[in-house]
Protein backbone atom coordinates (compact mmCIF):
# COMPACT_ATOMS: atom_id res chain seq x y z
CA MET A 1 89.99 103.72 150.73
CA GLY A 2 89.09 99.82 150.90
CA ARG A 3 91.47 97.02 149.87
CA SER A 4 89.44 95.60 147.79
CA ARG A 5 90.39 97.36 144.85
CA ARG A 6 94.09 97.09 143.43
CA THR A 7 96.16 100.73 143.42
CA LEU A 8 97.43 101.80 140.26
CA PRO A 9 101.15 101.73 141.79
CA GLU A 10 100.48 97.43 142.29
CA GLU A 11 98.46 97.35 138.90
CA LEU A 12 101.42 98.91 136.75
CA LEU A 13 103.66 96.61 138.44
CA LEU A 14 101.75 93.90 137.64
CA LEU A 15 101.69 94.35 134.13
CA ALA A 16 105.92 95.09 134.16
CA LEU A 17 106.66 91.52 136.06
CA ASP A 18 108.11 88.91 134.09
CA PRO A 19 105.79 85.88 134.08
CA THR A 20 108.35 84.03 132.53
CA THR A 21 112.22 85.39 134.26
CA GLY A 22 110.28 86.90 137.77
CA THR A 23 111.63 90.67 136.59
CA THR A 24 110.40 93.81 136.05
CA ALA A 25 110.64 95.45 132.97
CA GLN A 26 112.01 98.63 132.88
CA PRO A 27 113.09 98.60 136.51
CA GLN A 28 114.35 102.48 136.48
CA SER A 29 112.00 104.23 135.15
CA LEU A 30 109.13 101.88 136.67
CA ASP A 31 110.39 103.95 140.08
CA LEU A 32 109.25 106.77 138.62
CA GLY A 33 106.33 104.77 137.62
CA LEU A 34 105.05 103.75 140.76
CA ALA A 35 105.39 107.67 142.26
CA GLY A 36 103.09 108.89 140.04
CA ALA A 37 101.01 106.09 140.35
CA GLN A 38 100.88 107.35 144.09
CA LEU A 39 99.49 110.59 142.85
CA VAL A 40 97.29 109.28 140.50
CA GLU A 41 95.73 107.48 143.18
CA LEU A 42 95.39 109.65 145.32
CA ALA A 43 93.70 112.21 142.67
CA LEU A 44 91.06 109.65 142.48
CA ALA A 45 90.35 109.20 146.13
CA GLY A 46 89.33 112.79 146.23
CA ARG A 47 92.87 113.88 147.93
CA ILE A 48 94.94 115.86 145.92
CA ALA A 49 94.33 117.92 142.66
CA PRO A 50 96.43 119.33 139.62
CA ASP A 51 96.99 123.03 139.97
CA GLY A 52 98.60 123.69 136.17
CA ASP A 53 101.83 121.61 136.38
CA ARG A 54 101.47 121.17 140.27
CA ILE A 55 99.60 119.02 142.68
CA ALA A 56 97.89 120.64 145.79
CA VAL A 57 96.66 118.54 148.72
CA VAL A 58 92.83 119.42 149.14
CA VAL A 59 91.45 116.92 151.54
CA PRO A 60 94.63 115.64 153.57
CA ARG A 61 92.16 112.52 155.26
CA PRO A 62 94.29 109.65 155.33
CA THR A 63 93.63 106.52 152.47
CA GLY A 64 93.28 103.76 155.12
CA ASP A 65 96.62 102.36 152.25
CA PRO A 66 99.81 102.96 154.34
CA THR A 67 101.93 103.67 151.24
CA LEU A 68 99.46 105.91 149.94
CA ASP A 69 98.94 108.08 153.31
CA CYS A 70 102.38 108.71 153.50
CA ALA A 71 103.35 109.99 149.84
CA LEU A 72 99.69 112.34 150.88
CA GLU A 73 101.38 113.47 153.97
CA LEU A 74 104.31 114.29 152.32
CA LEU A 75 102.83 116.38 150.10
CA ARG A 76 100.96 117.88 153.14
CA ARG A 77 104.19 119.06 154.83
CA ARG A 78 104.95 120.84 151.66
CA GLY A 79 102.36 123.51 152.43
CA ALA A 80 102.09 124.29 148.75
CA PRO A 81 101.66 123.13 145.97
CA VAL A 82 104.30 120.90 144.52
CA ARG A 83 105.43 120.55 140.51
CA ALA A 84 104.59 117.32 139.64
CA VAL A 85 107.82 116.79 137.74
CA HIS A 86 110.16 117.71 141.00
CA TRP A 87 107.42 115.29 143.42
CA ILE A 88 108.14 112.18 141.01
CA GLY A 89 111.98 112.88 140.46
CA GLY A 90 112.78 113.23 144.28
CA PRO A 91 114.20 110.19 145.87
CA ARG A 92 111.39 107.15 146.47
CA LEU A 93 114.04 104.93 147.71
CA GLY A 94 112.63 101.35 148.29
CA LEU A 95 109.18 102.36 146.58
CA ARG A 96 109.03 99.02 144.42
CA GLN A 97 110.34 96.70 146.77
CA THR A 98 107.66 97.88 148.92
CA TYR A 99 105.08 97.21 146.50
CA LEU A 100 106.49 93.75 145.63
CA SER A 101 106.28 93.02 149.40
CA HIS A 102 102.86 94.49 149.84
CA LEU A 103 101.78 91.60 146.69
CA GLU A 104 103.57 88.86 148.47
CA ARG A 105 101.19 89.54 151.30
CA CYS A 106 98.46 89.45 149.47
CA GLY A 107 99.47 86.38 148.06
CA MET A 108 99.36 87.84 144.23
CA VAL A 109 103.36 86.92 144.12
CA HIS A 110 105.61 84.79 145.52
CA ALA A 111 108.85 85.45 145.79
CA VAL A 112 111.60 82.53 144.46
CA ALA A 113 115.37 83.13 145.72
CA GLY A 114 118.20 82.30 143.59
CA GLN A 115 122.00 83.02 142.92
CA MET A 116 123.66 85.30 140.45
CA CYS A 117 126.76 83.63 139.06
CA GLY A 118 126.25 81.12 141.52
CA VAL A 119 127.26 83.35 144.57
CA LEU A 120 125.47 86.72 145.11
CA PRO A 121 121.65 85.85 146.43
CA THR A 122 118.95 87.17 144.33
CA THR A 123 115.04 87.25 144.88
CA ARG A 124 112.66 87.15 141.80
CA TYR A 125 109.11 87.39 141.71
CA GLN A 126 106.54 84.93 140.35
CA ALA A 127 102.70 86.09 139.83
CA THR A 128 100.65 83.29 141.74
CA ASP A 129 97.98 84.04 139.82
CA ASN A 130 98.02 85.01 136.31
CA GLU A 131 94.73 85.92 135.60
CA ILE A 132 94.66 89.33 137.71
CA SER A 133 97.60 90.36 135.19
CA ARG A 134 95.36 89.21 132.78
CA GLU A 135 92.29 91.08 133.77
CA ILE A 136 94.35 94.03 134.11
CA ARG A 137 95.80 93.35 130.39
CA ALA A 138 92.48 92.85 129.15
CA ARG A 139 91.45 96.45 129.97
CA LEU A 140 94.67 98.12 127.95
CA ASP A 141 93.99 95.95 125.17
CA SER A 142 89.97 96.65 125.16
CA ALA A 143 90.60 100.63 125.24
CA ILE A 144 92.98 99.89 122.41
CA ARG A 145 91.34 97.65 119.71
CA THR A 146 87.71 99.41 120.21
CA GLY A 147 88.83 103.04 120.35
CA VAL A 148 86.11 103.63 123.37
CA PRO A 149 87.20 106.26 125.64
CA PRO A 150 88.36 103.94 128.78
CA ASP A 151 87.35 104.95 132.71
CA PRO A 152 89.67 106.98 134.37
CA ARG A 153 91.54 104.28 136.00
CA THR A 154 92.33 102.31 132.99
CA ALA A 155 93.17 105.62 131.09
CA ALA A 156 95.64 106.54 133.86
CA LEU A 157 96.79 103.27 133.38
CA ALA A 158 97.81 103.42 130.05
CA ALA A 159 99.24 106.71 130.02
CA LEU A 160 101.95 105.61 132.99
CA ALA A 161 102.45 102.14 131.26
CA HIS A 162 103.63 104.16 128.08
CA ALA A 163 105.05 106.93 129.95
CA VAL A 164 107.51 104.40 131.61
CA GLY A 165 108.35 102.37 128.43
CA LEU A 166 106.00 99.40 128.61
CA GLY A 167 105.03 99.72 125.11
CA LYS A 168 107.50 97.25 123.61
CA HIS A 169 106.73 94.96 126.79
CA LEU A 170 103.13 94.68 126.30
CA TYR A 171 103.21 94.97 122.60
CA PRO A 172 106.64 93.81 121.27
CA GLY A 173 108.05 93.55 117.38
CA ASN A 174 106.53 95.49 114.47
CA GLU A 175 103.17 93.62 114.99
CA GLY A 176 102.79 95.64 118.12
CA ARG A 177 103.58 99.05 116.59
CA SER A 178 99.95 100.32 116.05
CA SER A 179 99.25 98.83 119.70
CA ARG A 180 102.06 100.89 120.89
CA SER A 181 100.96 103.93 119.02
CA ARG A 182 97.25 103.42 120.47
CA LEU A 183 98.85 103.38 123.63
CA ARG A 184 100.03 106.31 123.88
CA ASP A 185 97.35 108.20 122.83
CA LEU A 186 94.93 106.99 125.56
CA ILE A 187 97.27 109.33 127.81
CA ARG A 188 94.50 112.24 126.63
CA HIS A 189 92.06 110.47 128.52
CA ASP A 190 92.47 111.42 132.22
CA PRO A 191 93.92 115.28 133.09
CA MET A 192 95.74 114.01 135.81
CA GLY A 193 96.91 110.89 134.27
CA GLY A 194 98.20 112.48 131.17
CA LEU A 195 99.82 115.48 134.10
CA VAL A 196 101.95 112.42 135.77
CA ALA A 197 102.81 110.80 132.30
CA HIS A 198 104.10 113.47 131.34
CA ALA A 199 105.87 114.54 134.27
CA VAL A 200 107.73 111.02 134.47
CA MET A 201 108.43 111.56 130.79
CA ASP A 202 110.40 115.02 131.76
CA VAL A 203 112.08 113.38 134.63
CA GLN A 204 113.69 110.98 132.08
CA ASN A 205 114.58 113.46 129.40
CA GLY A 206 116.32 115.45 132.35
CA ALA A 207 113.33 118.50 132.14
CA ALA A 208 112.81 118.50 135.69
CA ALA A 209 114.51 121.10 136.54
CA GLN A 210 113.45 123.79 134.08
CA PRO A 211 109.90 125.01 134.64
CA ARG A 212 107.11 124.35 131.67
CA ARG A 213 105.46 127.92 131.07
CA ASN A 214 102.52 126.33 129.09
CA PRO A 215 102.09 122.36 129.71
CA PRO A 216 100.93 120.08 127.10
CA ALA A 217 96.89 119.07 126.68
CA PRO A 218 97.10 115.43 127.80
CA GLY A 219 97.96 113.46 124.83
CA ARG A 220 100.30 115.71 123.34
CA GLN A 221 104.29 115.78 124.13
CA ALA A 222 105.88 118.52 125.22
CA ALA A 223 108.06 119.91 122.08
CA GLY A 224 111.57 118.63 121.89
CA VAL A 225 110.77 115.80 124.01
CA ARG A 226 111.16 112.27 122.67
CA THR A 227 110.07 109.08 124.90
CA ALA A 228 112.77 106.69 124.37
CA GLU A 229 111.22 102.75 125.12
CA PRO A 230 114.56 101.09 126.63
CA ALA A 231 114.88 97.68 126.07
CA ARG A 232 112.80 95.03 128.03
CA GLY A 233 114.28 93.56 131.39
CA VAL A 234 117.56 94.10 133.48
CA PRO A 235 119.99 91.95 135.15
CA MET A 236 118.99 91.13 138.74
CA GLN A 237 120.83 92.84 141.05
CA PRO A 238 122.35 90.64 144.43
CA ARG A 239 120.10 91.83 147.78
CA HIS A 240 122.85 92.68 150.65
CA GLY A 241 122.73 90.72 153.80
CA SER A 242 119.48 91.03 156.46
CA MET A 243 118.22 93.85 153.56
CA ALA A 244 114.70 93.01 152.48
CA ARG A 245 114.79 91.44 149.04
CA VAL A 246 115.17 93.44 146.32
CA ALA A 247 113.64 92.25 143.14
CA ALA A 248 115.50 92.79 139.05
CA HIS A 249 116.90 96.60 139.39
């Protein structure tokens, strides 16, 4: 996979990055979304495919992206298709920081050192080129405004943005209510994105331990599951010693 195209995890992270504060919106659910975005990216690359509510490796050949290939190898080692909700709900320590560091190396963001309470060191990340984020946002806006079925990549990005609660970050207030609703509806346009988005929401709602007998069709929410839209922004956490920079958690 060439590096000329941004991956879905990178695009999701750029969408979540607040250009004013340098923090990431919905950091806890965003971690789940990044794990899900990896699955969709691997599916778009033809390496994995949905098997009911499970994920199966169909082509174990590496993509050339180290982070995606690590996920692909872990899936391959499972030996059998794994439930998407179990994969996304598993430990993903440092995944957000891995992608922030990658974006920094690519020159898309730069780290800004700071302090919490005047003592504890923290790191914010500011976009170096807001045009990239605007281009990503424009794809979602176009799909919402025109009603034309988006391409699978944009549909999956919309599904993930909704699943992690970025709706209020992207389209705030009462005036953004209809846009948030249309963002949610875009989930039906990509089967893999829909599967992963529902898995992300299931993990957030504590449904990971219970198998789903009949997975809902893309675009429909599982009965009894409510999708919360948490408040935007969370205070930054300190970094410790020589450990890698930690973005706002």
